[in-house]
Amino acid sequence: MNKLLCICIILLVAAVMVANSGVTYYKNYPEEHPIVNLPVALRQENYNNGSCVWATTISLLRWQGQYEMADWIRKARSGGVLTSKLLQSMDKAGLTFAGTDEGDVSFLEWSCRTRRGAAIVINDGAHMVALVDMDEDRACILDNNSIEQYIWISRGALIREWKKSGGLAFTPVYSPASPLP
């Protein structure tokens, strides 16, 4: 009986200590940003002088857990690809994807809302980057020429640049990484 009383007292003291420890318990976890938060080790840097389309696609595939497809593309595809040949090349590779070539902003919103991200054209169509987050005020991109950090810009500036560059965007359509709890 004395042992049971001692254990109860110890547990009570421990509970009081934890309650007064200054630790803040959150009912809801803070959101992760960017929402497509690919670890640096899985980000594909541009390779063979002009593989920005493939590097971006590889990063998005890795985010969506399609490692074998990403590895195959890394080995089989390199160099630049014209927009007119891109979708044909992706079909040939067996890639399941969705996209727009009409500057449909709702596609970008859907890509971010579903945590897939999107490959988008910038620089008058000469470069492709990954859109990894977008809300009502700002957007975040992962540039395959500088994979160590994300680039945050205003949503309006990103949309203007993207539309000026042709409004092409696509994303692989597989299961994205699971959301935060």
C-alpha atoms as a PDB file:
ATOM      1  CA  MET A   1       0.000   0.000   0.000  1.00  0.00           C
ATOM      2  CA  ASN A   2       2.853   2.387   0.817  1.00  0.00           C
ATOM      3  CA  LYS A   3       4.413   1.696  -2.594  1.00  0.00           C
ATOM      4  CA  LEU A   4       1.161   2.545  -4.343  1.00  0.00           C
ATOM      5  CA  LEU A   5       0.846   5.782  -2.366  1.00  0.00           C
ATOM      6  CA  CYS A   6       4.463   6.734  -3.215  1.00  0.00           C
ATOM      7  CA  ILE A   7       3.892   6.055  -6.918  1.00  0.00           C
ATOM      8  CA  CYS A   8       0.723   8.185  -6.892  1.00  0.00           C
ATOM      9  CA  ILE A   9       2.540  11.051  -5.168  1.00  0.00           C
ATOM     10  CA  ILE A  10       5.446  10.856  -7.638  1.00  0.00           C
ATOM     11  CA  LEU A  11       3.037  10.914 -10.593  1.00  0.00           C
ATOM     12  CA  LEU A  12       1.141  13.855  -9.101  1.00  0.00           C
ATOM     13  CA  VAL A  13       4.364  15.823  -8.527  1.00  0.00           C
ATOM     14  CA  ALA A  14       5.532  15.032 -12.078  1.00  0.00           C
ATOM     15  CA  ALA A  15       2.204  16.212 -13.516  1.00  0.00           C
ATOM     16  CA  VAL A  16       2.401  19.479 -11.564  1.00  0.00           C
ATOM     17  CA  MET A  17       6.000  20.029 -12.720  1.00  0.00           C
ATOM     18  CA  VAL A  18       5.057  19.499 -16.366  1.00  0.00           C
ATOM     19  CA  ALA A  19       2.031  21.782 -16.043  1.00  0.00           C
ATOM     20  CA  ASN A  20       4.223  24.573 -14.661  1.00  0.00           C
ATOM     21  CA  SER A  21       7.277  24.007 -16.865  1.00  0.00           C
ATOM     22  CA  GLY A  22       6.552  26.852 -19.284  1.00  0.00           C
ATOM     23  CA  VAL A  23       6.047  24.435 -22.176  1.00  0.00           C
ATOM     24  CA  THR A  24       3.403  25.651 -24.604  1.00  0.00           C
ATOM     25  CA  TYR A  25       1.119  23.004 -26.012  1.00  0.00           C
ATOM     26  CA  TYR A  26      -0.530  23.835 -29.323  1.00  0.00           C
ATOM     27  CA  LYS A  27      -3.958  22.566 -30.134  1.00  0.00           C
ATOM     28  CA  ASN A  28      -3.151  22.902 -33.840  1.00  0.00           C
ATOM     29  CA  TYR A  29       0.298  22.446 -35.317  1.00  0.00           C
ATOM     30  CA  PRO A  30       1.686  25.421 -37.211  1.00  0.00           C
ATOM     31  CA  GLU A  31       1.422  25.112 -40.984  1.00  0.00           C
ATOM     32  CA  GLU A  32       4.452  24.070 -42.978  1.00  0.00           C
ATOM     33  CA  HIS A  33       5.744  26.561 -45.531  1.00  0.00           C
ATOM     34  CA  PRO A  34       6.483  26.062 -48.259  1.00  0.00           C
ATOM     35  CA  ILE A  35       3.837  23.377 -48.521  1.00  0.00           C
ATOM     36  CA  VAL A  36       5.981  21.433 -50.990  1.00  0.00           C
ATOM     37  CA  ASN A  37       8.988  21.305 -48.676  1.00  0.00           C
ATOM     38  CA  LEU A  38      11.315  18.897 -50.440  1.00  0.00           C
ATOM     39  CA  PRO A  39      14.486  18.066 -48.479  1.00  0.00           C
ATOM     40  CA  VAL A  40      17.606  19.532 -50.117  1.00  0.00           C
ATOM     41  CA  ALA A  41      19.011  16.033 -50.745  1.00  0.00           C
ATOM     42  CA  LEU A  42      16.007  15.233 -52.984  1.00  0.00           C
ATOM     43  CA  ARG A  43      16.033  18.482 -54.972  1.00  0.00           C
ATOM     44  CA  GLN A  44      17.366  18.021 -58.498  1.00  0.00           C
ATOM     45  CA  GLU A  45      19.837  20.614 -59.648  1.00  0.00           C
ATOM     46  CA  ASN A  46      19.937  21.611 -63.317  1.00  0.00           C
ATOM     47  CA  TYR A  47      22.242  19.294 -65.278  1.00  0.00           C
ATOM     48  CA  ASN A  48      23.749  19.117 -68.783  1.00  0.00           C
ATOM     49  CA  ASN A  49      23.320  22.843 -69.446  1.00  0.00           C
ATOM     50  CA  GLY A  50      19.629  23.242 -69.968  1.00  0.00           C
ATOM     51  CA  SER A  51      17.688  20.489 -68.262  1.00  0.00           C
ATOM     52  CA  CYS A  52      15.519  22.816 -66.191  1.00  0.00           C
ATOM     53  CA  VAL A  53      12.301  21.114 -67.329  1.00  0.00           C
ATOM     54  CA  TRP A  54      13.584  17.681 -66.371  1.00  0.00           C
ATOM     55  CA  ALA A  55      15.225  18.861 -63.127  1.00  0.00           C
ATOM     56  CA  THR A  56      11.959  20.477 -62.020  1.00  0.00           C
ATOM     57  CA  THR A  57       9.965  17.390 -62.998  1.00  0.00           C
ATOM     58  CA  ILE A  58      12.371  15.131 -61.099  1.00  0.00           C
ATOM     59  CA  SER A  59      12.046  17.232 -57.930  1.00  0.00           C
ATOM     60  CA  LEU A  60       8.241  17.138 -58.128  1.00  0.00           C
ATOM     61  CA  LEU A  61       8.258  13.376 -58.766  1.00  0.00           C
ATOM     62  CA  ARG A  62      10.483  12.805 -55.742  1.00  0.00           C
ATOM     63  CA  TRP A  63       8.142  14.918 -53.611  1.00  0.00           C
ATOM     64  CA  GLN A  64       5.286  12.692 -54.756  1.00  0.00           C
ATOM     65  CA  GLY A  65       7.209   9.506 -53.924  1.00  0.00           C
ATOM     66  CA  GLN A  66       7.884   8.486 -57.543  1.00  0.00           C
ATOM     67  CA  TYR A  67      11.595   7.815 -57.069  1.00  0.00           C
ATOM     68  CA  GLU A  68      11.962   5.188 -59.799  1.00  0.00           C
ATOM     69  CA  MET A  69      10.337   7.421 -62.415  1.00  0.00           C
ATOM     70  CA  ALA A  70      12.491  10.356 -61.250  1.00  0.00           C
ATOM     71  CA  ASP A  71      15.658   8.255 -61.524  1.00  0.00           C
ATOM     72  CA  TRP A  72      14.656   7.011 -64.972  1.00  0.00           C
ATOM     73  CA  ILE A  73      14.065  10.564 -66.227  1.00  0.00           C
ATOM     74  CA  ARG A  74      17.401  11.672 -64.754  1.00  0.00           C
ATOM     75  CA  LYS A  75      19.179   8.937 -66.736  1.00  0.00           C
ATOM     76  CA  ALA A  76      17.122   9.071 -69.950  1.00  0.00           C
ATOM     77  CA  ARG A  77      16.349  12.778 -70.404  1.00  0.00           C
ATOM     78  CA  SER A  78      18.627  15.795 -70.524  1.00  0.00           C
ATOM     79  CA  GLY A  79      19.019  19.057 -72.353  1.00  0.00           C
ATOM     80  CA  GLY A  80      16.350  21.566 -73.154  1.00  0.00           C
ATOM     81  CA  VAL A  81      12.968  20.621 -74.518  1.00  0.00           C
ATOM     82  CA  LEU A  82      10.634  22.828 -76.527  1.00  0.00           C
ATOM     83  CA  THR A  83       7.195  23.425 -75.079  1.00  0.00           C
ATOM     84  CA  SER A  84       5.647  21.933 -78.210  1.00  0.00           C
ATOM     85  CA  LYS A  85       7.523  18.680 -77.581  1.00  0.00           C
ATOM     86  CA  LEU A  86       7.249  18.636 -73.788  1.00  0.00           C
ATOM     87  CA  LEU A  87       3.823  17.071 -73.332  1.00  0.00           C
ATOM     88  CA  GLN A  88       4.549  14.551 -76.083  1.00  0.00           C
ATOM     89  CA  SER A  89       7.809  13.618 -74.367  1.00  0.00           C
ATOM     90  CA  MET A  90       6.078  13.276 -70.990  1.00  0.00           C
ATOM     91  CA  ASP A  91       3.393  11.028 -72.510  1.00  0.00           C
ATOM     92  CA  LYS A  92       6.111   8.899 -74.086  1.00  0.00           C
ATOM     93  CA  ALA A  93       7.838   8.600 -70.696  1.00  0.00           C
ATOM     94  CA  GLY A  94       4.601   7.276 -69.167  1.00  0.00           C
ATOM     95  CA  LEU A  95       4.232  10.228 -66.829  1.00  0.00           C
ATOM     96  CA  THR A  96       0.757  10.914 -65.423  1.00  0.00           C
ATOM     97  CA  PHE A  97       0.323  14.670 -65.263  1.00  0.00           C
ATOM     98  CA  ALA A  98      -2.105  17.577 -65.371  1.00  0.00           C
ATOM     99  CA  GLY A  99      -1.422  21.042 -66.658  1.00  0.00           C
ATOM    100  CA  THR A 100      -2.363  24.231 -68.418  1.00  0.00           C
ATOM    101  CA  ASP A 101      -0.865  26.132 -71.307  1.00  0.00           C
ATOM    102  CA  GLU A 102      -3.330  29.002 -71.042  1.00  0.00           C
ATOM    103  CA  GLY A 103      -2.172  30.739 -67.856  1.00  0.00           C
ATOM    104  CA  ASP A 104      -4.995  29.317 -65.735  1.00  0.00           C
ATOM    105  CA  VAL A 105      -4.223  30.538 -62.203  1.00  0.00           C
ATOM    106  CA  SER A 106      -6.743  28.096 -60.729  1.00  0.00           C
ATOM    107  CA  PHE A 107      -4.414  25.285 -61.846  1.00  0.00           C
ATOM    108  CA  LEU A 108      -1.564  26.792 -59.795  1.00  0.00           C
ATOM    109  CA  GLU A 109      -3.895  27.155 -56.813  1.00  0.00           C
ATOM    110  CA  TRP A 110      -5.039  23.535 -57.163  1.00  0.00           C
ATOM    111  CA  SER A 111      -1.434  22.319 -57.450  1.00  0.00           C
ATOM    112  CA  CYS A 112      -0.513  24.057 -54.213  1.00  0.00           C
ATOM    113  CA  ARG A 113      -3.753  23.222 -52.398  1.00  0.00           C
ATOM    114  CA  THR A 114      -3.201  19.505 -53.139  1.00  0.00           C
ATOM    115  CA  ARG A 115       0.481  19.774 -52.057  1.00  0.00           C
ATOM    116  CA  ARG A 116       1.774  18.660 -55.476  1.00  0.00           C
ATOM    117  CA  GLY A 117       3.451  21.882 -56.591  1.00  0.00           C
ATOM    118  CA  ALA A 118       3.793  22.746 -60.266  1.00  0.00           C
ATOM    119  CA  ALA A 119       6.474  23.172 -62.895  1.00  0.00           C
ATOM    120  CA  ILE A 120       6.046  26.677 -64.349  1.00  0.00           C
ATOM    121  CA  VAL A 121       7.757  28.664 -67.099  1.00  0.00           C
ATOM    122  CA  ILE A 122       9.444  32.006 -66.400  1.00  0.00           C
ATOM    123  CA  ASN A 123      11.986  34.271 -68.153  1.00  0.00           C
ATOM    124  CA  ASP A 124       9.953  34.552 -71.357  1.00  0.00           C
ATOM    125  CA  GLY A 125       9.630  30.775 -71.491  1.00  0.00           C
ATOM    126  CA  ALA A 126      13.391  30.192 -71.307  1.00  0.00           C
ATOM    127  CA  HIS A 127      13.426  28.649 -67.820  1.00  0.00           C
ATOM    128  CA  MET A 128      11.285  26.330 -65.718  1.00  0.00           C
ATOM    129  CA  VAL A 129      11.068  26.286 -61.920  1.00  0.00           C
ATOM    130  CA  ALA A 130       8.895  24.574 -59.325  1.00  0.00           C
ATOM    131  CA  LEU A 131       6.086  26.531 -57.708  1.00  0.00           C
ATOM    132  CA  VAL A 132       6.126  25.111 -54.177  1.00  0.00           C
ATOM    133  CA  ASP A 133       3.689  27.414 -52.378  1.00  0.00           C
ATOM    134  CA  MET A 134       1.197  30.145 -53.158  1.00  0.00           C
ATOM    135  CA  ASP A 135      -1.344  31.976 -51.048  1.00  0.00           C
ATOM    136  CA  GLU A 136      -3.318  35.185 -51.547  1.00  0.00           C
ATOM    137  CA  ASP A 137      -0.226  37.390 -51.059  1.00  0.00           C
ATOM    138  CA  ARG A 138       2.925  35.510 -51.954  1.00  0.00           C
ATOM    139  CA  ALA A 139       4.396  32.640 -53.903  1.00  0.00           C
ATOM    140  CA  CYS A 140       7.452  30.481 -53.418  1.00  0.00           C
ATOM    141  CA  ILE A 141       9.597  28.850 -56.074  1.00  0.00           C
ATOM    142  CA  LEU A 142      12.408  26.332 -56.096  1.00  0.00           C
ATOM    143  CA  ASP A 143      14.871  27.239 -58.847  1.00  0.00           C
ATOM    144  CA  ASN A 144      16.879  24.266 -60.105  1.00  0.00           C
ATOM    145  CA  ASN A 145      19.849  26.604 -60.679  1.00  0.00           C
ATOM    146  CA  SER A 146      19.994  27.324 -56.940  1.00  0.00           C
ATOM    147  CA  ILE A 147      18.430  24.453 -54.992  1.00  0.00           C
ATOM    148  CA  GLU A 148      19.733  25.340 -51.539  1.00  0.00           C
ATOM    149  CA  GLN A 149      17.019  27.868 -50.746  1.00  0.00           C
ATOM    150  CA  TYR A 150      13.491  28.798 -51.687  1.00  0.00           C
ATOM    151  CA  ILE A 151      12.674  32.130 -53.316  1.00  0.00           C
ATOM    152  CA  TRP A 152       9.628  34.008 -51.985  1.00  0.00           C
ATOM    153  CA  ILE A 153       8.029  36.668 -54.202  1.00  0.00           C
ATOM    154  CA  SER A 154       4.693  38.416 -54.397  1.00  0.00           C
ATOM    155  CA  ARG A 155       1.875  36.365 -55.886  1.00  0.00           C
ATOM    156  CA  GLY A 156       1.088  39.113 -58.394  1.00  0.00           C
ATOM    157  CA  ALA A 157       4.686  39.323 -59.633  1.00  0.00           C
ATOM    158  CA  LEU A 158       4.866  35.552 -60.092  1.00  0.00           C
ATOM    159  CA  ILE A 159       1.582  35.368 -61.986  1.00  0.00           C
ATOM    160  CA  ARG A 160       2.564  38.282 -64.270  1.00  0.00           C
ATOM    161  CA  GLU A 161       5.947  36.688 -65.034  1.00  0.00           C
ATOM    162  CA  TRP A 162       4.396  33.265 -65.625  1.00  0.00           C
ATOM    163  CA  LYS A 163       1.676  34.578 -67.943  1.00  0.00           C
ATOM    164  CA  LYS A 164       4.166  36.794 -69.823  1.00  0.00           C
ATOM    165  CA  SER A 165       6.274  33.650 -70.316  1.00  0.00           C
ATOM    166  CA  GLY A 166       3.420  31.709 -71.904  1.00  0.00           C
ATOM    167  CA  GLY A 167       1.392  30.452 -68.932  1.00  0.00           C
ATOM    168  CA  LEU A 168       2.556  26.824 -69.176  1.00  0.00           C
ATOM    169  CA  ALA A 169       2.403  24.771 -65.979  1.00  0.00           C
ATOM    170  CA  PHE A 170       2.139  21.084 -65.205  1.00  0.00           C
ATOM    171  CA  THR A 171       2.461  18.706 -62.312  1.00  0.00           C
ATOM    172  CA  PRO A 172       2.822  14.969 -61.969  1.00  0.00           C
ATOM    173  CA  VAL A 173      -0.422  13.582 -60.567  1.00  0.00           C
ATOM    174  CA  TYR A 174       0.523  11.027 -57.958  1.00  0.00           C
ATOM    175  CA  SER A 175       0.024  11.078 -54.214  1.00  0.00           C
ATOM    176  CA  PRO A 176       1.914  13.985 -52.692  1.00  0.00           C
ATOM    177  CA  ALA A 177       3.698  13.732 -49.388  1.00  0.00           C
ATOM    178  CA  SER A 178       1.309  13.432 -46.481  1.00  0.00           C
ATOM    179  CA  PRO A 179       0.252  16.653 -44.756  1.00  0.00           C
ATOM    180  CA  LEU A 180       1.469  17.658 -41.354  1.00  0.00           C
ATOM    181  CA  PRO A 181      -0.621  16.207 -38.511  1.00  0.00           C
END
